[in-house]
């Protein structure tokens, strides 16, 4: 039997809701182990059935996605010449040959060409 990625993703998205519904009193296994409790800020009471599912989904799925997006954003880096043109530095691609003598000048990429 082959593993099905769609089933794994569906389980990852649905399981926190189901677990949160089971912990509607504000006490999950983690909160029991750490002797804490999830409460509503406005009333100080239990989060309720739907809110408990949402809290668990936000903690397990949304926080994981946020961390992944931040890590991928940091790993991407920036362009070689940076976002803004610099007066002292210029990026040159040395894979291309130099322009022959008498060729028209090519304007820098940060300024529009005169047409």
PDB file of N, CA and C in Angstrom:
ATOM      1  N   UNK A   1       0.847  -1.183   0.000  1.00  0.00           N
ATOM      2  CA  UNK A   1       0.000   0.000   0.000  1.00  0.00           C
ATOM      3  C   UNK A   1       0.891   1.243   0.000  1.00  0.00           C
ATOM      4  N   UNK A   2       0.625   2.146  -0.943  1.00  0.00           N
ATOM      5  CA  UNK A   2       1.428   3.367  -1.065  1.00  0.00           C
ATOM      6  C   UNK A   2       0.924   4.431  -0.099  1.00  0.00           C
ATOM      7  N   UNK A   3       1.852   5.223   0.467  1.00  0.00           N
ATOM      8  CA  UNK A   3       1.406   6.339   1.325  1.00  0.00           C
ATOM      9  C   UNK A   3       0.722   7.411   0.485  1.00  0.00           C
ATOM     10  N   UNK A   4      -0.258   8.042   1.052  1.00  0.00           N
ATOM     11  CA  UNK A   4      -1.015   9.071   0.342  1.00  0.00           C
ATOM     12  C   UNK A   4      -0.773  10.421   1.020  1.00  0.00           C
ATOM     13  N   UNK A   5      -0.086  11.330   0.323  1.00  0.00           N
ATOM     14  CA  UNK A   5       0.197  12.640   0.925  1.00  0.00           C
ATOM     15  C   UNK A   5      -1.080  13.412   1.244  1.00  0.00           C
ATOM     16  N   UNK A   6      -2.114  13.254   0.419  1.00  0.00           N
ATOM     17  CA  UNK A   6      -3.365  13.966   0.683  1.00  0.00           C
ATOM     18  C   UNK A   6      -3.995  13.550   1.999  1.00  0.00           C
ATOM     19  N   UNK A   7      -3.882  12.255   2.314  1.00  0.00           N
ATOM     20  CA  UNK A   7      -4.434  11.765   3.578  1.00  0.00           C
ATOM     21  C   UNK A   7      -3.643  12.322   4.760  1.00  0.00           C
ATOM     22  N   UNK A   8      -2.323  12.428   4.588  1.00  0.00           N
ATOM     23  CA  UNK A   8      -1.502  13.000   5.659  1.00  0.00           C
ATOM     24  C   UNK A   8      -1.818  14.465   5.909  1.00  0.00           C
ATOM     25  N   UNK A   9      -1.986  15.221   4.832  1.00  0.00           N
ATOM     26  CA  UNK A   9      -2.317  16.645   4.972  1.00  0.00           C
ATOM     27  C   UNK A   9      -3.701  16.812   5.586  1.00  0.00           C
ATOM     28  N   UNK A  10      -4.665  15.993   5.148  1.00  0.00           N
ATOM     29  CA  UNK A  10      -6.017  16.070   5.708  1.00  0.00           C
ATOM     30  C   UNK A  10      -6.008  15.740   7.195  1.00  0.00           C
ATOM     31  N   UNK A  11      -5.232  14.748   7.581  1.00  0.00           N
ATOM     32  CA  UNK A  11      -5.126  14.401   9.007  1.00  0.00           C
ATOM     33  C   UNK A  11      -4.475  15.529   9.790  1.00  0.00           C
ATOM     34  N   UNK A  12      -3.431  16.137   9.203  1.00  0.00           N
ATOM     35  CA  UNK A  12      -2.738  17.241   9.880  1.00  0.00           C
ATOM     36  C   UNK A  12      -3.675  18.427  10.102  1.00  0.00           C
ATOM     37  N   UNK A  13      -4.602  18.646   9.160  1.00  0.00           N
ATOM     38  CA  UNK A  13      -5.538  19.765   9.285  1.00  0.00           C
ATOM     39  C   UNK A  13      -6.739  19.435  10.169  1.00  0.00           C
ATOM     40  N   UNK A  14      -7.181  18.182  10.183  1.00  0.00           N
ATOM     41  CA  UNK A  14      -8.393  17.817  10.921  1.00  0.00           C
ATOM     42  C   UNK A  14      -8.122  17.383  12.362  1.00  0.00           C
ATOM     43  N   UNK A  15      -7.004  16.729  12.599  1.00  0.00           N
ATOM     44  CA  UNK A  15      -6.720  16.195  13.935  1.00  0.00           C
ATOM     45  C   UNK A  15      -6.694  17.270  15.029  1.00  0.00           C
ATOM     46  N   UNK A  16      -6.101  18.446  14.806  1.00  0.00           N
ATOM     47  CA  UNK A  16      -6.128  19.458  15.867  1.00  0.00           C
ATOM     48  C   UNK A  16      -7.548  19.892  16.241  1.00  0.00           C
ATOM     49  N   UNK A  17      -8.435  19.980  15.248  1.00  0.00           N
ATOM     50  CA  UNK A  17      -9.828  20.340  15.546  1.00  0.00           C
ATOM     51  C   UNK A  17     -10.466  19.278  16.440  1.00  0.00           C
ATOM     52  N   UNK A  18     -10.292  18.014  16.061  1.00  0.00           N
ATOM     53  CA  UNK A  18     -10.894  16.931  16.847  1.00  0.00           C
ATOM     54  C   UNK A  18     -10.316  16.879  18.254  1.00  0.00           C
ATOM     55  N   UNK A  19      -9.012  17.029  18.364  1.00  0.00           N
ATOM     56  CA  UNK A  19      -8.377  17.040  19.683  1.00  0.00           C
ATOM     57  C   UNK A  19      -8.843  18.233  20.506  1.00  0.00           C
ATOM     58  N   UNK A  20      -8.982  19.388  19.853  1.00  0.00           N
ATOM     59  CA  UNK A  20      -9.477  20.573  20.559  1.00  0.00           C
ATOM     60  C   UNK A  20     -10.905  20.389  21.039  1.00  0.00           C
ATOM     61  N   UNK A  21     -11.744  19.716  20.224  1.00  0.00           N
ATOM     62  CA  UNK A  21     -13.112  19.448  20.653  1.00  0.00           C
ATOM     63  C   UNK A  21     -13.133  18.556  21.885  1.00  0.00           C
ATOM     64  N   UNK A  22     -12.188  17.631  21.984  1.00  0.00           N
ATOM     65  CA  UNK A  22     -12.104  16.762  23.159  1.00  0.00           C
ATOM     66  C   UNK A  22     -11.613  17.519  24.390  1.00  0.00           C
ATOM     67  N   UNK A  23     -10.952  18.650  24.176  1.00  0.00           N
ATOM     68  CA  UNK A  23     -10.394  19.438  25.285  1.00  0.00           C
ATOM     69  C   UNK A  23     -11.168  20.735  25.467  1.00  0.00           C
ATOM     70  N   UNK A  24     -12.487  20.691  25.266  1.00  0.00           N
ATOM     71  CA  UNK A  24     -13.288  21.916  25.324  1.00  0.00           C
ATOM     72  C   UNK A  24     -13.299  22.537  26.711  1.00  0.00           C
ATOM     73  N   UNK A  25     -12.939  21.790  27.719  1.00  0.00           N
ATOM     74  CA  UNK A  25     -12.881  22.348  29.072  1.00  0.00           C
ATOM     75  C   UNK A  25     -11.627  23.159  29.319  1.00  0.00           C
ATOM     76  N   UNK A  26     -10.763  23.291  28.308  1.00  0.00           N
ATOM     77  CA  UNK A  26      -9.544  24.085  28.460  1.00  0.00           C
ATOM     78  C   UNK A  26      -8.366  23.295  28.969  1.00  0.00           C
ATOM     79  N   UNK A  27      -8.528  21.973  29.121  1.00  0.00           N
ATOM     80  CA  UNK A  27      -7.449  21.151  29.661  1.00  0.00           C
ATOM     81  C   UNK A  27      -7.032  20.095  28.644  1.00  0.00           C
ATOM     82  N   UNK A  28      -5.922  20.308  27.958  1.00  0.00           N
ATOM     83  CA  UNK A  28      -5.355  19.322  27.045  1.00  0.00           C
ATOM     84  C   UNK A  28      -4.325  18.495  27.808  1.00  0.00           C
ATOM     85  N   UNK A  29      -3.740  17.507  27.148  1.00  0.00           N
ATOM     86  CA  UNK A  29      -2.701  16.707  27.815  1.00  0.00           C
ATOM     87  C   UNK A  29      -1.499  17.570  28.194  1.00  0.00           C
ATOM     88  N   UNK A  30      -1.145  18.505  27.317  1.00  0.00           N
ATOM     89  CA  UNK A  30      -0.035  19.401  27.628  1.00  0.00           C
ATOM     90  C   UNK A  30      -0.328  20.324  28.796  1.00  0.00           C
ATOM     91  N   UNK A  31      -1.558  20.820  28.849  1.00  0.00           N
ATOM     92  CA  UNK A  31      -1.899  21.707  29.972  1.00  0.00           C
ATOM     93  C   UNK A  31      -2.017  20.927  31.280  1.00  0.00           C
ATOM     94  N   UNK A  32      -2.444  19.666  31.204  1.00  0.00           N
ATOM     95  CA  UNK A  32      -2.456  18.847  32.416  1.00  0.00           C
ATOM     96  C   UNK A  32      -1.046  18.578  32.910  1.00  0.00           C
ATOM     97  N   UNK A  33      -0.115  18.324  31.986  1.00  0.00           N
ATOM     98  CA  UNK A  33       1.272  18.057  32.362  1.00  0.00           C
ATOM     99  C   UNK A  33       1.943  19.298  32.950  1.00  0.00           C
ATOM    100  N   UNK A  34       1.600  20.477  32.411  1.00  0.00           N
ATOM    101  CA  UNK A  34       2.242  21.706  32.895  1.00  0.00           C
ATOM    102  C   UNK A  34       1.395  22.441  33.924  1.00  0.00           C
ATOM    103  N   UNK A  35       0.262  21.846  34.293  1.00  0.00           N
ATOM    104  CA  UNK A  35      -0.652  22.419  35.287  1.00  0.00           C
ATOM    105  C   UNK A  35      -1.089  23.834  34.911  1.00  0.00           C
ATOM    106  N   UNK A  36      -1.470  24.004  33.642  1.00  0.00           N
ATOM    107  CA  UNK A  36      -2.004  25.275  33.164  1.00  0.00           C
ATOM    108  C   UNK A  36      -3.397  25.028  32.605  1.00  0.00           C
ATOM    109  N   UNK A  37      -4.071  26.106  32.219  1.00  0.00           N
ATOM    110  CA  UNK A  37      -5.412  25.989  31.675  1.00  0.00           C
ATOM    111  C   UNK A  37      -5.646  27.107  30.672  1.00  0.00           C
ATOM    112  N   UNK A  38      -6.339  26.809  29.569  1.00  0.00           N
ATOM    113  CA  UNK A  38      -6.689  27.804  28.572  1.00  0.00           C
ATOM    114  C   UNK A  38      -8.013  28.430  28.992  1.00  0.00           C
ATOM    115  N   UNK A  39      -8.049  29.757  29.076  1.00  0.00           N
ATOM    116  CA  UNK A  39      -9.279  30.461  29.465  1.00  0.00           C
ATOM    117  C   UNK A  39      -9.528  31.606  28.487  1.00  0.00           C
ATOM    118  N   UNK A  40     -10.777  32.038  28.411  1.00  0.00           N
ATOM    119  CA  UNK A  40     -11.126  33.213  27.608  1.00  0.00           C
ATOM    120  C   UNK A  40     -10.690  34.459  28.363  1.00  0.00           C
ATOM    121  N   UNK A  41     -10.096  35.395  27.668  1.00  0.00           N
ATOM    122  CA  UNK A  41      -9.622  36.623  28.310  1.00  0.00           C
ATOM    123  C   UNK A  41     -10.801  37.449  28.812  1.00  0.00           C
ATOM    124  N   UNK A  42     -11.873  37.505  28.035  1.00  0.00           N
ATOM    125  CA  UNK A  42     -12.997  38.377  28.390  1.00  0.00           C
ATOM    126  C   UNK A  42     -13.751  37.895  29.623  1.00  0.00           C
ATOM    127  N   UNK A  43     -13.882  36.573  29.805  1.00  0.00           N
ATOM    128  CA  UNK A  43     -14.694  36.068  30.917  1.00  0.00           C
ATOM    129  C   UNK A  43     -13.912  35.261  31.934  1.00  0.00           C
ATOM    130  N   UNK A  44     -12.760  34.744  31.559  1.00  0.00           N
ATOM    131  CA  UNK A  44     -11.990  33.888  32.457  1.00  0.00           C
ATOM    132  C   UNK A  44     -12.529  32.476  32.502  1.00  0.00           C
ATOM    133  N   UNK A  45     -13.528  32.165  31.677  1.00  0.00           N
ATOM    134  CA  UNK A  45     -14.130  30.840  31.671  1.00  0.00           C
ATOM    135  C   UNK A  45     -13.517  29.938  30.613  1.00  0.00           C
ATOM    136  N   UNK A  46     -14.126  28.781  30.451  1.00  0.00           N
ATOM    137  CA  UNK A  46     -13.668  27.807  29.458  1.00  0.00           C
ATOM    138  C   UNK A  46     -13.828  28.366  28.045  1.00  0.00           C
ATOM    139  N   UNK A  47     -12.978  27.925  27.117  1.00  0.00           N
ATOM    140  CA  UNK A  47     -13.073  28.468  25.764  1.00  0.00           C
ATOM    141  C   UNK A  47     -14.308  28.006  24.991  1.00  0.00           C
ATOM    142  N   UNK A  48     -14.935  26.917  25.360  1.00  0.00           N
ATOM    143  CA  UNK A  48     -16.096  26.414  24.638  1.00  0.00           C
ATOM    144  C   UNK A  48     -15.695  25.420  23.564  1.00  0.00           C
ATOM    145  N   UNK A  49     -16.705  24.745  22.997  1.00  0.00           N
ATOM    146  CA  UNK A  49     -16.468  23.650  22.067  1.00  0.00           C
ATOM    147  C   UNK A  49     -15.738  24.108  20.804  1.00  0.00           C
ATOM    148  N   UNK A  50     -16.295  25.058  20.053  1.00  0.00           N
ATOM    149  CA  UNK A  50     -15.685  25.500  18.796  1.00  0.00           C
ATOM    150  C   UNK A  50     -14.392  26.268  19.026  1.00  0.00           C
ATOM    151  N   UNK A  51     -14.368  27.096  20.044  1.00  0.00           N
ATOM    152  CA  UNK A  51     -13.160  27.885  20.333  1.00  0.00           C
ATOM    153  C   UNK A  51     -11.994  26.979  20.717  1.00  0.00           C
ATOM    154  N   UNK A  52     -12.264  25.909  21.430  1.00  0.00           N
ATOM    155  CA  UNK A  52     -11.189  24.979  21.811  1.00  0.00           C
ATOM    156  C   UNK A  52     -10.590  24.324  20.568  1.00  0.00           C
ATOM    157  N   UNK A  53     -11.441  23.986  19.588  1.00  0.00           N
ATOM    158  CA  UNK A  53     -10.931  23.432  18.334  1.00  0.00           C
ATOM    159  C   UNK A  53     -10.069  24.437  17.592  1.00  0.00           C
ATOM    160  N   UNK A  54     -10.535  25.692  17.558  1.00  0.00           N
ATOM    161  CA  UNK A  54      -9.776  26.744  16.881  1.00  0.00           C
ATOM    162  C   UNK A  54      -8.445  27.004  17.573  1.00  0.00           C
ATOM    163  N   UNK A  55      -8.441  27.037  18.895  1.00  0.00           N
ATOM    164  CA  UNK A  55      -7.197  27.282  19.638  1.00  0.00           C
ATOM    165  C   UNK A  55      -6.180  26.185  19.335  1.00  0.00           C
ATOM    166  N   UNK A  56      -6.628  24.939  19.328  1.00  0.00           N
ATOM    167  CA  UNK A  56      -5.703  23.832  19.048  1.00  0.00           C
ATOM    168  C   UNK A  56      -5.217  23.889  17.602  1.00  0.00           C
ATOM    169  N   UNK A  57      -6.092  24.226  16.656  1.00  0.00           N
ATOM    170  CA  UNK A  57      -5.700  24.360  15.248  1.00  0.00           C
ATOM    171  C   UNK A  57      -4.677  25.483  15.095  1.00  0.00           C
ATOM    172  N   UNK A  58      -4.923  26.609  15.730  1.00  0.00           N
ATOM    173  CA  UNK A  58      -3.997  27.742  15.636  1.00  0.00           C
ATOM    174  C   UNK A  58      -2.637  27.391  16.224  1.00  0.00           C
ATOM    175  N   UNK A  59      -2.631  26.679  17.333  1.00  0.00           N
ATOM    176  CA  UNK A  59      -1.369  26.325  17.975  1.00  0.00           C
ATOM    177  C   UNK A  59      -0.555  25.326  17.169  1.00  0.00           C
ATOM    178  N   UNK A  60      -1.211  24.340  16.579  1.00  0.00           N
ATOM    179  CA  UNK A  60      -0.468  23.264  15.934  1.00  0.00           C
ATOM    180  C   UNK A  60      -0.255  23.479  14.441  1.00  0.00           C
ATOM    181  N   UNK A  61      -1.220  24.038  13.740  1.00  0.00           N
ATOM    182  CA  UNK A  61      -1.106  24.179  12.287  1.00  0.00           C
ATOM    183  C   UNK A  61      -0.633  25.583  11.907  1.00  0.00           C
ATOM    184  N   UNK A  62      -1.339  26.600  12.345  1.00  0.00           N
ATOM    185  CA  UNK A  62      -1.005  27.962  11.918  1.00  0.00           C
ATOM    186  C   UNK A  62       0.363  28.399  12.425  1.00  0.00           C
ATOM    187  N   UNK A  63       0.701  28.052  13.664  1.00  0.00           N
ATOM    188  CA  UNK A  63       2.009  28.436  14.188  1.00  0.00           C
ATOM    189  C   UNK A  63       3.115  27.729  13.414  1.00  0.00           C
ATOM    190  N   UNK A  64       2.904  26.448  13.067  1.00  0.00           N
ATOM    191  CA  UNK A  64       3.897  25.711  12.278  1.00  0.00           C
ATOM    192  C   UNK A  64       4.077  26.349  10.904  1.00  0.00           C
ATOM    193  N   UNK A  65       2.971  26.708  10.257  1.00  0.00           N
ATOM    194  CA  UNK A  65       3.053  27.349   8.943  1.00  0.00           C
ATOM    195  C   UNK A  65       3.768  28.696   9.053  1.00  0.00           C
ATOM    196  N   UNK A  66       3.479  29.464  10.087  1.00  0.00           N
ATOM    197  CA  UNK A  66       4.139  30.752  10.284  1.00  0.00           C
ATOM    198  C   UNK A  66       5.651  30.582  10.423  1.00  0.00           C
ATOM    199  N   UNK A  67       6.076  29.627  11.223  1.00  0.00           N
ATOM    200  CA  UNK A  67       7.514  29.382  11.403  1.00  0.00           C
ATOM    201  C   UNK A  67       8.153  28.955  10.085  1.00  0.00           C
ATOM    202  N   UNK A  68       7.484  28.080   9.319  1.00  0.00           N
ATOM    203  CA  UNK A  68       8.026  27.657   8.031  1.00  0.00           C
ATOM    204  C   UNK A  68       8.146  28.822   7.050  1.00  0.00           C
ATOM    205  N   UNK A  69       7.140  29.687   7.014  1.00  0.00           N
ATOM    206  CA  UNK A  69       7.189  30.846   6.122  1.00  0.00           C
ATOM    207  C   UNK A  69       8.335  31.775   6.520  1.00  0.00           C
ATOM    208  N   UNK A  70       8.520  31.993   7.806  1.00  0.00           N
ATOM    209  CA  UNK A  70       9.620  32.849   8.256  1.00  0.00           C
ATOM    210  C   UNK A  70      10.980  32.240   7.906  1.00  0.00           C
ATOM    211  N   UNK A  71      11.137  30.938   8.120  1.00  0.00           N
ATOM    212  CA  UNK A  71      12.406  30.291   7.800  1.00  0.00           C
ATOM    213  C   UNK A  71      12.686  30.316   6.304  1.00  0.00           C
ATOM    214  N   UNK A  72      11.675  30.064   5.491  1.00  0.00           N
ATOM    215  CA  UNK A  72      11.868  30.118   4.049  1.00  0.00           C
ATOM    216  C   UNK A  72      12.157  31.540   3.576  1.00  0.00           C
ATOM    217  N   UNK A  73      11.542  32.527   4.202  1.00  0.00           N
ATOM    218  CA  UNK A  73      11.809  33.918   3.842  1.00  0.00           C
ATOM    219  C   UNK A  73      13.232  34.322   4.167  1.00  0.00           C
ATOM    220  N   UNK A  74      13.744  33.845   5.295  1.00  0.00           N
ATOM    221  CA  UNK A  74      15.124  34.157   5.672  1.00  0.00           C
ATOM    222  C   UNK A  74      16.093  33.418   4.768  1.00  0.00           C
ATOM    223  N   UNK A  75      15.772  32.183   4.415  1.00  0.00           N
ATOM    224  CA  UNK A  75      16.674  31.380   3.582  1.00  0.00           C
ATOM    225  C   UNK A  75      16.746  31.910   2.158  1.00  0.00           C
ATOM    226  N   UNK A  76      15.699  32.591   1.699  1.00  0.00           N
ATOM    227  CA  UNK A  76      15.678  33.093   0.330  1.00  0.00           C
ATOM    228  C   UNK A  76      16.741  34.157   0.100  1.00  0.00           C
ATOM    229  N   UNK A  77      16.979  34.985   1.070  1.00  0.00           N
ATOM    230  CA  UNK A  77      17.993  36.029   0.929  1.00  0.00           C
ATOM    231  C   UNK A  77      17.495  37.189   0.098  1.00  0.00           C
ATOM    232  N   UNK A  78      18.402  37.823  -0.621  1.00  0.00           N
ATOM    233  CA  UNK A  78      18.037  38.976  -1.442  1.00  0.00           C
ATOM    234  C   UNK A  78      18.793  38.903  -2.763  1.00  0.00           C
ATOM    235  N   UNK A  79      18.509  39.838  -3.626  1.00  0.00           N
ATOM    236  CA  UNK A  79      19.175  39.897  -4.918  1.00  0.00           C
ATOM    237  C   UNK A  79      20.647  40.235  -4.729  1.00  0.00           C
ATOM    238  N   UNK A  80      21.507  39.860  -5.681  1.00  0.00           N
ATOM    239  CA  UNK A  80      22.938  40.129  -5.533  1.00  0.00           C
ATOM    240  C   UNK A  80      23.257  41.610  -5.370  1.00  0.00           C
ATOM    241  N   UNK A  81      22.525  42.471  -6.053  1.00  0.00           N
ATOM    242  CA  UNK A  81      22.838  43.892  -5.953  1.00  0.00           C
ATOM    243  C   UNK A  81      22.006  44.592  -4.889  1.00  0.00           C
ATOM    244  N   UNK A  82      21.153  43.881  -4.177  1.00  0.00           N
ATOM    245  CA  UNK A  82      20.337  44.501  -3.142  1.00  0.00           C
ATOM    246  C   UNK A  82      19.090  45.123  -3.720  1.00  0.00           C
ATOM    247  N   UNK A  83      18.255  45.637  -2.848  1.00  0.00           N
ATOM    248  CA  UNK A  83      16.980  46.201  -3.282  1.00  0.00           C
ATOM    249  C   UNK A  83      17.146  47.591  -3.884  1.00  0.00           C
ATOM    250  N   UNK A  84      18.077  48.342  -3.417  1.00  0.00           N
ATOM    251  CA  UNK A  84      18.285  49.720  -3.876  1.00  0.00           C
ATOM    252  C   UNK A  84      19.614  49.834  -4.609  1.00  0.00           C
ATOM    253  N   UNK A  85      19.679  50.682  -5.630  1.00  0.00           N
ATOM    254  CA  UNK A  85      20.974  50.878  -6.301  1.00  0.00           C
ATOM    255  C   UNK A  85      21.964  51.574  -5.361  1.00  0.00           C
ATOM    256  N   UNK A  86      23.203  51.149  -5.422  1.00  0.00           N
ATOM    257  CA  UNK A  86      24.236  51.723  -4.559  1.00  0.00           C
ATOM    258  C   UNK A  86      25.201  52.533  -5.422  1.00  0.00           C
ATOM    259  N   UNK A  87      25.635  53.648  -4.901  1.00  0.00           N
ATOM    260  CA  UNK A  87      26.537  54.519  -5.643  1.00  0.00           C
ATOM    261  C   UNK A  87      27.944  53.981  -5.746  1.00  0.00           C
ATOM    262  N   UNK A  88      28.375  53.121  -4.826  1.00  0.00           N
ATOM    263  CA  UNK A  88      29.760  52.664  -4.819  1.00  0.00           C
ATOM    264  C   UNK A  88      29.941  51.260  -5.359  1.00  0.00           C
ATOM    265  N   UNK A  89      28.849  50.524  -5.559  1.00  0.00           N
ATOM    266  CA  UNK A  89      28.972  49.133  -5.978  1.00  0.00           C
ATOM    267  C   UNK A  89      28.137  48.874  -7.213  1.00  0.00           C
ATOM    268  N   UNK A  90      28.608  47.962  -8.019  1.00  0.00           N
ATOM    269  CA  UNK A  90      27.904  47.588  -9.239  1.00  0.00           C
ATOM    270  C   UNK A  90      28.095  46.096  -9.437  1.00  0.00           C
ATOM    271  N   UNK A  91      27.021  45.399  -9.764  1.00  0.00           N
ATOM    272  CA  UNK A  91      27.115  43.975 -10.041  1.00  0.00           C
ATOM    273  C   UNK A  91      27.337  43.783 -11.530  1.00  0.00           C
ATOM    274  N   UNK A  92      28.385  43.065 -11.873  1.00  0.00           N
ATOM    275  CA  UNK A  92      28.736  42.822 -13.269  1.00  0.00           C
ATOM    276  C   UNK A  92      28.686  41.328 -13.520  1.00  0.00           C
ATOM    277  N   UNK A  93      28.003  40.944 -14.589  1.00  0.00           N
ATOM    278  CA  UNK A  93      27.951  39.544 -14.971  1.00  0.00           C
ATOM    279  C   UNK A  93      29.093  39.294 -15.947  1.00  0.00           C
ATOM    280  N   UNK A  94      30.151  38.638 -15.531  1.00  0.00           N
ATOM    281  CA  UNK A  94      31.351  38.444 -16.345  1.00  0.00           C
ATOM    282  C   UNK A  94      31.214  37.288 -17.332  1.00  0.00           C
ATOM    283  N   UNK A  95      30.041  36.633 -17.368  1.00  0.00           N
ATOM    284  CA  UNK A  95      29.848  35.554 -18.341  1.00  0.00           C
ATOM    285  C   UNK A  95      29.692  36.093 -19.756  1.00  0.00           C
ATOM    286  N   UNK A  96      29.285  37.371 -19.894  1.00  0.00           N
ATOM    287  CA  UNK A  96      29.071  37.957 -21.203  1.00  0.00           C
ATOM    288  C   UNK A  96      30.315  38.745 -21.617  1.00  0.00           C
ATOM    289  N   UNK A  97      30.612  38.777 -22.907  1.00  0.00           N
ATOM    290  CA  UNK A  97      31.795  39.521 -23.354  1.00  0.00           C
ATOM    291  C   UNK A  97      31.561  41.025 -23.250  1.00  0.00           C
ATOM    292  N   UNK A  98      32.664  41.753 -23.232  1.00  0.00           N
ATOM    293  CA  UNK A  98      32.571  43.214 -23.200  1.00  0.00           C
ATOM    294  C   UNK A  98      32.000  43.723 -24.514  1.00  0.00           C
ATOM    295  N   UNK A  99      31.440  44.927 -24.465  1.00  0.00           N
ATOM    296  CA  UNK A  99      30.906  45.534 -25.682  1.00  0.00           C
ATOM    297  C   UNK A  99      32.061  45.932 -26.601  1.00  0.00           C
ATOM    298  N   UNK A 100      31.901  45.747 -27.874  1.00  0.00           N
ATOM    299  CA  UNK A 100      32.975  46.159 -28.793  1.00  0.00           C
ATOM    300  C   UNK A 100      33.121  47.681 -28.822  1.00  0.00           C
ATOM    301  N   UNK A 101      34.277  48.139 -29.243  1.00  0.00           N
ATOM    302  CA  UNK A 101      34.537  49.585 -29.308  1.00  0.00           C
ATOM    303  C   UNK A 101      33.541  50.238 -30.253  1.00  0.00           C
ATOM    304  N   UNK A 102      32.970  51.355 -29.836  1.00  0.00           N
ATOM    305  CA  UNK A 102      32.025  52.101 -30.646  1.00  0.00           C
ATOM    306  C   UNK A 102      30.584  51.653 -30.486  1.00  0.00           C
ATOM    307  N   UNK A 103      30.339  50.651 -29.650  1.00  0.00           N
ATOM    308  CA  UNK A 103      28.957  50.195 -29.421  1.00  0.00           C
ATOM    309  C   UNK A 103      28.223  51.236 -28.579  1.00  0.00           C
ATOM    310  N   UNK A 104      26.900  51.369 -28.774  1.00  0.00           N
ATOM    311  CA  UNK A 104      26.161  52.343 -27.967  1.00  0.00           C
ATOM    312  C   UNK A 104      26.166  51.945 -26.495  1.00  0.00           C
ATOM    313  N   UNK A 105      26.170  52.954 -25.653  1.00  0.00           N
ATOM    314  CA  UNK A 105      26.182  52.714 -24.206  1.00  0.00           C
ATOM    315  C   UNK A 105      24.844  52.109 -23.770  1.00  0.00           C
ATOM    316  N   UNK A 106      24.919  51.212 -22.843  1.00  0.00           N
ATOM    317  CA  UNK A 106      23.710  50.588 -22.294  1.00  0.00           C
ATOM    318  C   UNK A 106      23.452  51.234 -20.934  1.00  0.00           C
ATOM    319  N   UNK A 107      22.268  51.797 -20.717  1.00  0.00           N
ATOM    320  CA  UNK A 107      22.009  52.452 -19.435  1.00  0.00           C
ATOM    321  C   UNK A 107      21.937  51.425 -18.302  1.00  0.00           C
ATOM    322  N   UNK A 108      22.232  51.840 -17.084  1.00  0.00           N
ATOM    323  CA  UNK A 108      22.108  50.935 -15.934  1.00  0.00           C
ATOM    324  C   UNK A 108      20.656  50.480 -15.767  1.00  0.00           C
ATOM    325  N   UNK A 109      20.474  49.349 -15.117  1.00  0.00           N
ATOM    326  CA  UNK A 109      19.144  48.786 -14.939  1.00  0.00           C
ATOM    327  C   UNK A 109      18.272  49.642 -14.032  1.00  0.00           C
ATOM    328  N   UNK A 110      18.855  50.438 -13.170  1.00  0.00           N
ATOM    329  CA  UNK A 110      18.047  51.226 -12.240  1.00  0.00           C
ATOM    330  C   UNK A 110      17.552  52.534 -12.855  1.00  0.00           C
ATOM    331  N   UNK A 111      17.934  52.844 -14.104  1.00  0.00           N
ATOM    332  CA  UNK A 111      17.448  54.036 -14.796  1.00  0.00           C
ATOM    333  C   UNK A 111      16.786  53.625 -16.101  1.00  0.00           C
ATOM    334  N   UNK A 112      15.691  54.278 -16.479  1.00  0.00           N
ATOM    335  CA  UNK A 112      15.027  53.906 -17.740  1.00  0.00           C
ATOM    336  C   UNK A 112      15.894  54.302 -18.945  1.00  0.00           C
ATOM    337  N   UNK A 113      15.763  53.513 -19.995  1.00  0.00           N
ATOM    338  CA  UNK A 113      16.519  53.782 -21.223  1.00  0.00           C
ATOM    339  C   UNK A 113      15.884  54.951 -21.961  1.00  0.00           C
ATOM    340  N   UNK A 114      16.705  55.802 -22.563  1.00  0.00           N
ATOM    341  CA  UNK A 114      16.192  56.895 -23.399  1.00  0.00           C
ATOM    342  C   UNK A 114      15.809  56.313 -24.752  1.00  0.00           C
ATOM    343  N   UNK A 115      14.554  56.498 -25.121  1.00  0.00           N
ATOM    344  CA  UNK A 115      14.085  55.925 -26.385  1.00  0.00           C
ATOM    345  C   UNK A 115      13.937  57.006 -27.428  1.00  0.00           C
TER     346      UNK A 115
END
